[in-house]
Amino acid sequence: MYTLGIDVGSSSSKAVILENGKHIISHAVVEIGTGSTGPERVLEDVFSGTGLGLDDMAHIIATGYGRFNVDCAKGEVSEITCHAKGALFECPGTTTILDIGGQDVKAIKLNSQGLVMQFAMNDKCAAGTGRFLDVMSKVLEIPMSDMGDWYFKSKHPAPVSSTCTVFAESEVISLLSKNVPKEDIVAGVHRSIASKASALVRRVGVGPDLTMTGGGSRDAGVVDAISKELGIPVNVALHPQVVGALGAALIAYDKVTK
């Protein structure tokens, strides 16, 4: 039996096909979000090469900002609930989730049964998000995929005190004009992200098993900076960008079997 989860965010769309509630058959990410062709594109990608189609899906759940715009969905569930479900599947024992997406940051606290007890979200500004890192990588002329490597080269991280993207960008430009080594600026940027994201985690309560999800967790520098800021080890989901879609697919399976 196959179920499908679709997560339509503000800047990207994700999908996961799950077999019997246990095995990920296919997953896909397209960097196009709600209000566009994102849902259609990600469906094309997730079914590509599988020999499967919408008619083969026993149930389909949509989540994310654009969850009500997915025509094929048979139900909608909040991204908070879906992230909790997906993170527990990838990292059993998770007590706290930190999701760093392109446009927002979410911290979710779970109880011993894996149910959401509390959550906090920063979706009003780009501080601490993937967008923040993207802006800084462009100013520094370093590809996003290389930012983590530059972080680990730093010996003396430069202070990037502002959490506002616009002001932080000005700080970075000023540091470059003073010939501060790029790796030290990168480390400062990562510390700024860690400070903002960790504040959300502290708001919901730091649990013993923190799992990071979202595109931001693909940057090893971000993960390391957050681990140091909170003083605890950090788990990273195996498929960090599609955890919400995975959770939706798992909930779809539960709808059919329970």
C-alpha atoms as a PDB file:
ATOM      1  CA  MET A   1       0.000   0.000   0.000  1.00  0.00           C
ATOM      2  CA  TYR A   2       1.286   3.431  -0.956  1.00  0.00           C
ATOM      3  CA  THR A   3       0.560   6.794   0.638  1.00  0.00           C
ATOM      4  CA  LEU A   4       1.651  10.253  -0.444  1.00  0.00           C
ATOM      5  CA  GLY A   5       2.588  13.299   1.601  1.00  0.00           C
ATOM      6  CA  ILE A   6       2.957  16.744   0.027  1.00  0.00           C
ATOM      7  CA  ASP A   7       4.456  19.735   1.861  1.00  0.00           C
ATOM      8  CA  VAL A   8       3.946  23.046   0.064  1.00  0.00           C
ATOM      9  CA  GLY A   9       5.955  25.780   1.735  1.00  0.00           C
ATOM     10  CA  SER A  10       6.510  29.432   0.920  1.00  0.00           C
ATOM     11  CA  SER A  11       9.667  28.815  -1.096  1.00  0.00           C
ATOM     12  CA  SER A  12       9.694  25.089  -1.942  1.00  0.00           C
ATOM     13  CA  SER A  13       7.453  22.066  -2.426  1.00  0.00           C
ATOM     14  CA  LYS A  14       8.282  18.581  -1.143  1.00  0.00           C
ATOM     15  CA  ALA A  15       6.705  15.156  -1.611  1.00  0.00           C
ATOM     16  CA  VAL A  16       7.241  11.637  -0.240  1.00  0.00           C
ATOM     17  CA  ILE A  17       5.800   8.302  -1.371  1.00  0.00           C
ATOM     18  CA  LEU A  18       5.672   5.772   1.464  1.00  0.00           C
ATOM     19  CA  GLU A  19       5.142   2.015   1.180  1.00  0.00           C
ATOM     20  CA  ASN A  20       3.221   0.283   3.986  1.00  0.00           C
ATOM     21  CA  GLY A  21       4.029   3.103   6.377  1.00  0.00           C
ATOM     22  CA  LYS A  22       7.669   1.986   6.586  1.00  0.00           C
ATOM     23  CA  HIS A  23       9.704   2.516   3.434  1.00  0.00           C
ATOM     24  CA  ILE A  24      10.340   5.730   1.514  1.00  0.00           C
ATOM     25  CA  ILE A  25       9.905   4.766  -2.141  1.00  0.00           C
ATOM     26  CA  SER A  26      10.600   8.217  -3.545  1.00  0.00           C
ATOM     27  CA  HIS A  27      11.045  11.779  -2.367  1.00  0.00           C
ATOM     28  CA  ALA A  28      11.388  15.055  -4.227  1.00  0.00           C
ATOM     29  CA  VAL A  29      12.050  18.739  -3.608  1.00  0.00           C
ATOM     30  CA  VAL A  30      11.451  21.624  -6.023  1.00  0.00           C
ATOM     31  CA  GLU A  31      12.457  25.165  -5.150  1.00  0.00           C
ATOM     32  CA  ILE A  32       9.032  26.564  -5.981  1.00  0.00           C
ATOM     33  CA  GLY A  33       6.468  27.149  -3.269  1.00  0.00           C
ATOM     34  CA  THR A  34       2.826  27.991  -2.814  1.00  0.00           C
ATOM     35  CA  GLY A  35       0.981  30.195  -5.301  1.00  0.00           C
ATOM     36  CA  SER A  36       2.898  28.706  -8.231  1.00  0.00           C
ATOM     37  CA  THR A  37       3.428  25.459 -10.109  1.00  0.00           C
ATOM     38  CA  GLY A  38       5.315  23.953  -7.162  1.00  0.00           C
ATOM     39  CA  PRO A  39       2.751  21.273  -6.241  1.00  0.00           C
ATOM     40  CA  GLU A  40       2.397  20.090  -9.840  1.00  0.00           C
ATOM     41  CA  ARG A  41       6.152  20.044 -10.390  1.00  0.00           C
ATOM     42  CA  VAL A  42       6.950  18.116  -7.222  1.00  0.00           C
ATOM     43  CA  LEU A  43       4.302  15.506  -8.062  1.00  0.00           C
ATOM     44  CA  GLU A  44       5.905  14.986 -11.468  1.00  0.00           C
ATOM     45  CA  ASP A  45       9.304  14.563  -9.839  1.00  0.00           C
ATOM     46  CA  VAL A  46       8.240  12.230  -7.028  1.00  0.00           C
ATOM     47  CA  PHE A  47       6.435   9.848  -9.394  1.00  0.00           C
ATOM     48  CA  SER A  48       9.196   9.926 -12.026  1.00  0.00           C
ATOM     49  CA  GLY A  49      10.738   6.484 -12.491  1.00  0.00           C
ATOM     50  CA  THR A  50       8.508   4.776  -9.918  1.00  0.00           C
ATOM     51  CA  GLY A  51       5.865   3.391 -12.266  1.00  0.00           C
ATOM     52  CA  LEU A  52       3.280   4.798  -9.852  1.00  0.00           C
ATOM     53  CA  GLY A  53       0.644   7.498 -10.160  1.00  0.00           C
ATOM     54  CA  LEU A  54      -1.994   9.266  -8.106  1.00  0.00           C
ATOM     55  CA  ASP A  55      -4.452   6.405  -8.631  1.00  0.00           C
ATOM     56  CA  ASP A  56      -2.023   4.051  -6.846  1.00  0.00           C
ATOM     57  CA  MET A  57      -2.068   6.128  -3.661  1.00  0.00           C
ATOM     58  CA  ALA A  58      -4.334   4.789  -0.911  1.00  0.00           C
ATOM     59  CA  HIS A  59      -4.433   8.214   0.723  1.00  0.00           C
ATOM     60  CA  ILE A  60      -2.880  11.648   0.185  1.00  0.00           C
ATOM     61  CA  ILE A  61      -2.273  14.290   2.865  1.00  0.00           C
ATOM     62  CA  ALA A  62      -1.079  17.850   2.213  1.00  0.00           C
ATOM     63  CA  THR A  63       0.691  20.112   4.695  1.00  0.00           C
ATOM     64  CA  GLY A  64       2.523  23.438   4.743  1.00  0.00           C
ATOM     65  CA  TYR A  65       1.420  26.990   3.939  1.00  0.00           C
ATOM     66  CA  GLY A  66      -0.052  25.894   0.608  1.00  0.00           C
ATOM     67  CA  ARG A  67      -1.763  22.728   1.826  1.00  0.00           C
ATOM     68  CA  PHE A  68      -5.227  23.936   0.811  1.00  0.00           C
ATOM     69  CA  ASN A  69      -4.067  24.435  -2.786  1.00  0.00           C
ATOM     70  CA  VAL A  70      -3.192  20.782  -3.478  1.00  0.00           C
ATOM     71  CA  ASP A  71      -6.073  19.524  -5.606  1.00  0.00           C
ATOM     72  CA  CYS A  72      -5.243  15.820  -5.289  1.00  0.00           C
ATOM     73  CA  ALA A  73      -5.077  15.835  -1.474  1.00  0.00           C
ATOM     74  CA  LYS A  74      -7.749  13.976   0.461  1.00  0.00           C
ATOM     75  CA  GLY A  75      -6.975  15.826   3.676  1.00  0.00           C
ATOM     76  CA  GLU A  76      -4.845  18.588   5.188  1.00  0.00           C
ATOM     77  CA  VAL A  77      -2.772  18.544   8.393  1.00  0.00           C
ATOM     78  CA  SER A  78      -0.718  21.348   9.989  1.00  0.00           C
ATOM     79  CA  GLU A  79       3.016  21.389   9.357  1.00  0.00           C
ATOM     80  CA  ILE A  80       3.699  21.278  13.111  1.00  0.00           C
ATOM     81  CA  THR A  81       1.958  17.911  13.462  1.00  0.00           C
ATOM     82  CA  CYS A  82       3.569  16.561  10.287  1.00  0.00           C
ATOM     83  CA  HIS A  83       7.076  17.624  11.301  1.00  0.00           C
ATOM     84  CA  ALA A  84       6.642  15.900  14.655  1.00  0.00           C
ATOM     85  CA  LYS A  85       5.508  12.684  12.981  1.00  0.00           C
ATOM     86  CA  GLY A  86       8.296  12.739  10.385  1.00  0.00           C
ATOM     87  CA  ALA A  87      11.074  13.621  12.836  1.00  0.00           C
ATOM     88  CA  LEU A  88      10.111  10.772  15.171  1.00  0.00           C
ATOM     89  CA  PHE A  89      10.162   8.362  12.226  1.00  0.00           C
ATOM     90  CA  GLU A  90      13.658   9.472  11.211  1.00  0.00           C
ATOM     91  CA  CYS A  91      15.048   9.909  14.732  1.00  0.00           C
ATOM     92  CA  PRO A  92      13.104   7.841  17.315  1.00  0.00           C
ATOM     93  CA  GLY A  93      13.280   9.330  20.794  1.00  0.00           C
ATOM     94  CA  THR A  94      13.223  12.926  19.572  1.00  0.00           C
ATOM     95  CA  THR A  95      11.965  15.304  22.257  1.00  0.00           C
ATOM     96  CA  THR A  96      12.579  18.654  20.547  1.00  0.00           C
ATOM     97  CA  ILE A  97      12.558  19.579  16.865  1.00  0.00           C
ATOM     98  CA  LEU A  98      14.237  22.593  15.287  1.00  0.00           C
ATOM     99  CA  ASP A  99      13.177  23.165  11.695  1.00  0.00           C
ATOM    100  CA  ILE A 100      15.145  25.771   9.749  1.00  0.00           C
ATOM    101  CA  GLY A 101      13.325  26.409   6.499  1.00  0.00           C
ATOM    102  CA  GLY A 102      13.800  28.899   3.719  1.00  0.00           C
ATOM    103  CA  GLN A 103      11.465  31.507   5.180  1.00  0.00           C
ATOM    104  CA  ASP A 104      10.787  30.484   8.779  1.00  0.00           C
ATOM    105  CA  VAL A 105      12.166  28.685  11.825  1.00  0.00           C
ATOM    106  CA  LYS A 106      10.068  26.356  13.986  1.00  0.00           C
ATOM    107  CA  ALA A 107      10.810  24.833  17.402  1.00  0.00           C
ATOM    108  CA  ILE A 108       8.549  21.997  18.544  1.00  0.00           C
ATOM    109  CA  LYS A 109       8.486  20.283  21.954  1.00  0.00           C
ATOM    110  CA  LEU A 110       7.141  16.715  22.191  1.00  0.00           C
ATOM    111  CA  ASN A 111       6.040  14.682  25.199  1.00  0.00           C
ATOM    112  CA  SER A 112       7.078  11.093  25.910  1.00  0.00           C
ATOM    113  CA  GLN A 113       4.287   9.833  23.627  1.00  0.00           C
ATOM    114  CA  GLY A 114       5.549  11.948  20.734  1.00  0.00           C
ATOM    115  CA  LEU A 115       2.642  14.391  20.883  1.00  0.00           C
ATOM    116  CA  VAL A 116       3.169  18.117  20.308  1.00  0.00           C
ATOM    117  CA  MET A 117       3.133  19.955  23.637  1.00  0.00           C
ATOM    118  CA  GLN A 118       4.351  23.376  22.558  1.00  0.00           C
ATOM    119  CA  PHE A 119       5.778  25.152  19.533  1.00  0.00           C
ATOM    120  CA  ALA A 120       7.234  28.516  18.598  1.00  0.00           C
ATOM    121  CA  MET A 121       7.757  29.983  15.166  1.00  0.00           C
ATOM    122  CA  ASN A 122       9.624  32.880  13.599  1.00  0.00           C
ATOM    123  CA  ASP A 123       7.882  33.674  10.321  1.00  0.00           C
ATOM    124  CA  LYS A 124       7.843  37.473  10.509  1.00  0.00           C
ATOM    125  CA  CYS A 125      11.406  38.091   9.346  1.00  0.00           C
ATOM    126  CA  ALA A 126      14.200  36.177   7.642  1.00  0.00           C
ATOM    127  CA  ALA A 127      16.512  36.167  10.672  1.00  0.00           C
ATOM    128  CA  GLY A 128      17.856  32.695  11.376  1.00  0.00           C
ATOM    129  CA  THR A 129      16.338  31.189   8.236  1.00  0.00           C
ATOM    130  CA  GLY A 130      17.745  29.668   5.075  1.00  0.00           C
ATOM    131  CA  ARG A 131      16.957  32.965   3.353  1.00  0.00           C
ATOM    132  CA  PHE A 132      19.277  34.757   5.799  1.00  0.00           C
ATOM    133  CA  LEU A 133      22.103  32.340   4.954  1.00  0.00           C
ATOM    134  CA  ASP A 134      21.400  32.688   1.235  1.00  0.00           C
ATOM    135  CA  VAL A 135      21.656  36.483   1.382  1.00  0.00           C
ATOM    136  CA  MET A 136      24.959  36.305   3.282  1.00  0.00           C
ATOM    137  CA  SER A 137      26.422  33.729   0.892  1.00  0.00           C
ATOM    138  CA  LYS A 138      25.724  36.070  -2.022  1.00  0.00           C
ATOM    139  CA  VAL A 139      27.375  39.021  -0.254  1.00  0.00           C
ATOM    140  CA  LEU A 140      30.392  36.844   0.554  1.00  0.00           C
ATOM    141  CA  GLU A 141      30.394  35.324  -2.956  1.00  0.00           C
ATOM    142  CA  ILE A 142      30.527  31.819  -1.486  1.00  0.00           C
ATOM    143  CA  PRO A 143      28.122  29.126  -2.752  1.00  0.00           C
ATOM    144  CA  MET A 144      25.532  28.092  -0.155  1.00  0.00           C
ATOM    145  CA  SER A 145      26.772  24.508  -0.400  1.00  0.00           C
ATOM    146  CA  ASP A 146      30.269  25.619   0.668  1.00  0.00           C
ATOM    147  CA  MET A 147      29.316  27.802   3.636  1.00  0.00           C
ATOM    148  CA  GLY A 148      29.668  24.940   6.126  1.00  0.00           C
ATOM    149  CA  ASP A 149      33.207  24.190   4.950  1.00  0.00           C
ATOM    150  CA  TRP A 150      34.206  27.829   5.377  1.00  0.00           C
ATOM    151  CA  TYR A 151      32.716  27.865   8.892  1.00  0.00           C
ATOM    152  CA  PHE A 152      35.044  25.091  10.045  1.00  0.00           C
ATOM    153  CA  LYS A 153      38.107  26.974   8.730  1.00  0.00           C
ATOM    154  CA  SER A 154      37.534  29.872  11.120  1.00  0.00           C
ATOM    155  CA  LYS A 155      39.965  30.509  13.970  1.00  0.00           C
ATOM    156  CA  HIS A 156      38.503  33.810  15.181  1.00  0.00           C
ATOM    157  CA  PRO A 157      34.779  34.176  14.404  1.00  0.00           C
ATOM    158  CA  ALA A 158      33.816  37.764  13.643  1.00  0.00           C
ATOM    159  CA  PRO A 159      30.894  39.275  15.553  1.00  0.00           C
ATOM    160  CA  VAL A 160      27.742  39.622  13.457  1.00  0.00           C
ATOM    161  CA  SER A 161      25.509  41.051  16.138  1.00  0.00           C
ATOM    162  CA  SER A 162      22.411  41.980  14.175  1.00  0.00           C
ATOM    163  CA  THR A 163      19.718  39.358  13.652  1.00  0.00           C
ATOM    164  CA  CYS A 164      17.999  41.571  11.065  1.00  0.00           C
ATOM    165  CA  THR A 165      18.941  40.446   7.557  1.00  0.00           C
ATOM    166  CA  VAL A 166      19.308  43.998   6.214  1.00  0.00           C
ATOM    167  CA  PHE A 167      21.497  45.203   9.091  1.00  0.00           C
ATOM    168  CA  ALA A 168      23.513  41.972   9.172  1.00  0.00           C
ATOM    169  CA  GLU A 169      24.193  42.355   5.455  1.00  0.00           C
ATOM    170  CA  SER A 170      25.604  45.820   6.154  1.00  0.00           C
ATOM    171  CA  GLU A 171      27.750  44.372   8.946  1.00  0.00           C
ATOM    172  CA  VAL A 172      29.150  41.711   6.622  1.00  0.00           C
ATOM    173  CA  ILE A 173      29.954  44.293   3.936  1.00  0.00           C
ATOM    174  CA  SER A 174      31.709  46.405   6.575  1.00  0.00           C
ATOM    175  CA  LEU A 175      33.742  43.403   7.777  1.00  0.00           C
ATOM    176  CA  LEU A 176      34.777  42.615   4.201  1.00  0.00           C
ATOM    177  CA  SER A 177      35.933  46.217   3.722  1.00  0.00           C
ATOM    178  CA  LYS A 178      38.148  45.782   6.803  1.00  0.00           C
ATOM    179  CA  ASN A 179      39.714  42.666   5.239  1.00  0.00           C
ATOM    180  CA  VAL A 180      38.384  40.362   7.937  1.00  0.00           C
ATOM    181  CA  PRO A 181      38.965  36.786   6.672  1.00  0.00           C
ATOM    182  CA  LYS A 182      35.896  35.379   4.956  1.00  0.00           C
ATOM    183  CA  GLU A 183      35.927  32.225   7.043  1.00  0.00           C
ATOM    184  CA  ASP A 184      35.671  34.324  10.228  1.00  0.00           C
ATOM    185  CA  ILE A 185      32.735  36.268   8.783  1.00  0.00           C
ATOM    186  CA  VAL A 186      31.039  33.009   7.785  1.00  0.00           C
ATOM    187  CA  ALA A 187      31.480  31.722  11.336  1.00  0.00           C
ATOM    188  CA  GLY A 188      29.941  34.931  12.654  1.00  0.00           C
ATOM    189  CA  VAL A 189      26.964  34.515  10.326  1.00  0.00           C
ATOM    190  CA  HIS A 190      26.469  30.942  11.521  1.00  0.00           C
ATOM    191  CA  ARG A 191      26.658  32.042  15.143  1.00  0.00           C
ATOM    192  CA  SER A 192      24.018  34.687  14.455  1.00  0.00           C
ATOM    193  CA  ILE A 193      21.705  32.045  12.974  1.00  0.00           C
ATOM    194  CA  ALA A 194      22.386  29.743  15.926  1.00  0.00           C
ATOM    195  CA  SER A 195      21.598  32.495  18.428  1.00  0.00           C
ATOM    196  CA  LYS A 196      18.231  33.270  16.841  1.00  0.00           C
ATOM    197  CA  ALA A 197      17.218  29.634  16.320  1.00  0.00           C
ATOM    198  CA  SER A 198      18.344  28.545  19.785  1.00  0.00           C
ATOM    199  CA  ALA A 199      16.216  31.270  21.372  1.00  0.00           C
ATOM    200  CA  LEU A 200      13.146  29.572  19.881  1.00  0.00           C
ATOM    201  CA  VAL A 201      14.263  26.196  21.227  1.00  0.00           C
ATOM    202  CA  ARG A 202      14.716  27.635  24.704  1.00  0.00           C
ATOM    203  CA  ARG A 203      11.242  29.148  24.497  1.00  0.00           C
ATOM    204  CA  VAL A 204       9.618  25.719  24.117  1.00  0.00           C
ATOM    205  CA  GLY A 205      12.154  23.941  26.334  1.00  0.00           C
ATOM    206  CA  VAL A 206      15.391  22.184  25.447  1.00  0.00           C
ATOM    207  CA  GLY A 207      14.866  18.422  25.519  1.00  0.00           C
ATOM    208  CA  PRO A 208      17.611  15.788  25.746  1.00  0.00           C
ATOM    209  CA  ASP A 209      17.154  14.668  22.124  1.00  0.00           C
ATOM    210  CA  LEU A 210      17.111  17.573  19.663  1.00  0.00           C
ATOM    211  CA  THR A 211      16.546  16.781  16.000  1.00  0.00           C
ATOM    212  CA  MET A 212      17.134  19.334  13.251  1.00  0.00           C
ATOM    213  CA  THR A 213      15.105  19.350  10.054  1.00  0.00           C
ATOM    214  CA  GLY A 214      14.719  21.650   7.066  1.00  0.00           C
ATOM    215  CA  GLY A 215      17.196  22.845   4.468  1.00  0.00           C
ATOM    216  CA  GLY A 216      19.244  24.711   7.072  1.00  0.00           C
ATOM    217  CA  SER A 217      20.259  21.441   8.703  1.00  0.00           C
ATOM    218  CA  ARG A 218      22.141  20.436   5.542  1.00  0.00           C
ATOM    219  CA  ASP A 219      24.760  23.030   6.523  1.00  0.00           C
ATOM    220  CA  ALA A 220      27.097  21.293   8.982  1.00  0.00           C
ATOM    221  CA  GLY A 221      28.245  24.692  10.221  1.00  0.00           C
ATOM    222  CA  VAL A 222      24.716  25.643  11.268  1.00  0.00           C
ATOM    223  CA  VAL A 223      24.311  22.317  13.083  1.00  0.00           C
ATOM    224  CA  ASP A 224      27.640  22.732  14.896  1.00  0.00           C
ATOM    225  CA  ALA A 225      26.919  26.341  15.871  1.00  0.00           C
ATOM    226  CA  ILE A 226      23.509  25.401  17.299  1.00  0.00           C
ATOM    227  CA  SER A 227      24.982  22.433  19.173  1.00  0.00           C
ATOM    228  CA  LYS A 228      27.556  24.736  20.778  1.00  0.00           C
ATOM    229  CA  GLU A 229      24.988  27.452  21.513  1.00  0.00           C
ATOM    230  CA  LEU A 230      22.688  25.008  23.314  1.00  0.00           C
ATOM    231  CA  GLY A 231      25.461  22.867  24.795  1.00  0.00           C
ATOM    232  CA  ILE A 232      23.940  19.577  23.633  1.00  0.00           C
ATOM    233  CA  PRO A 233      24.508  17.162  20.733  1.00  0.00           C
ATOM    234  CA  VAL A 234      22.168  17.595  17.777  1.00  0.00           C
ATOM    235  CA  ASN A 235      20.659  14.892  15.578  1.00  0.00           C
ATOM    236  CA  VAL A 236      20.003  15.614  11.904  1.00  0.00           C
ATOM    237  CA  ALA A 237      17.147  13.873  10.131  1.00  0.00           C
ATOM    238  CA  LEU A 238      18.213  11.537   7.320  1.00  0.00           C
ATOM    239  CA  HIS A 239      15.971  13.367   4.826  1.00  0.00           C
ATOM    240  CA  PRO A 240      15.872  16.814   6.466  1.00  0.00           C
ATOM    241  CA  GLN A 241      14.100  18.770   3.735  1.00  0.00           C
ATOM    242  CA  VAL A 242      11.188  16.349   3.358  1.00  0.00           C
ATOM    243  CA  VAL A 243      10.404  15.597   7.013  1.00  0.00           C
ATOM    244  CA  GLY A 244       7.092  17.472   6.789  1.00  0.00           C
ATOM    245  CA  ALA A 245       6.061  15.573   3.653  1.00  0.00           C
ATOM    246  CA  LEU A 246       7.186  12.323   5.280  1.00  0.00           C
ATOM    247  CA  GLY A 247       5.024  13.061   8.302  1.00  0.00           C
ATOM    248  CA  ALA A 248       2.085  13.753   5.991  1.00  0.00           C
ATOM    249  CA  ALA A 249       2.615  10.393   4.245  1.00  0.00           C
ATOM    250  CA  LEU A 250       2.755   8.637   7.633  1.00  0.00           C
ATOM    251  CA  ILE A 251      -0.469  10.315   8.740  1.00  0.00           C
ATOM    252  CA  ALA A 252      -2.052   9.288   5.431  1.00  0.00           C
ATOM    253  CA  TYR A 253      -1.077   5.687   6.229  1.00  0.00           C
ATOM    254  CA  ASP A 254      -2.604   5.967   9.698  1.00  0.00           C
ATOM    255  CA  LYS A 255      -5.846   7.284   8.191  1.00  0.00           C
ATOM    256  CA  VAL A 256      -6.171   4.117   6.107  1.00  0.00           C
ATOM    257  CA  THR A 257      -5.062   1.544   8.682  1.00  0.00           C
ATOM    258  CA  LYS A 258      -6.422   2.870  11.980  1.00  0.00           C
END
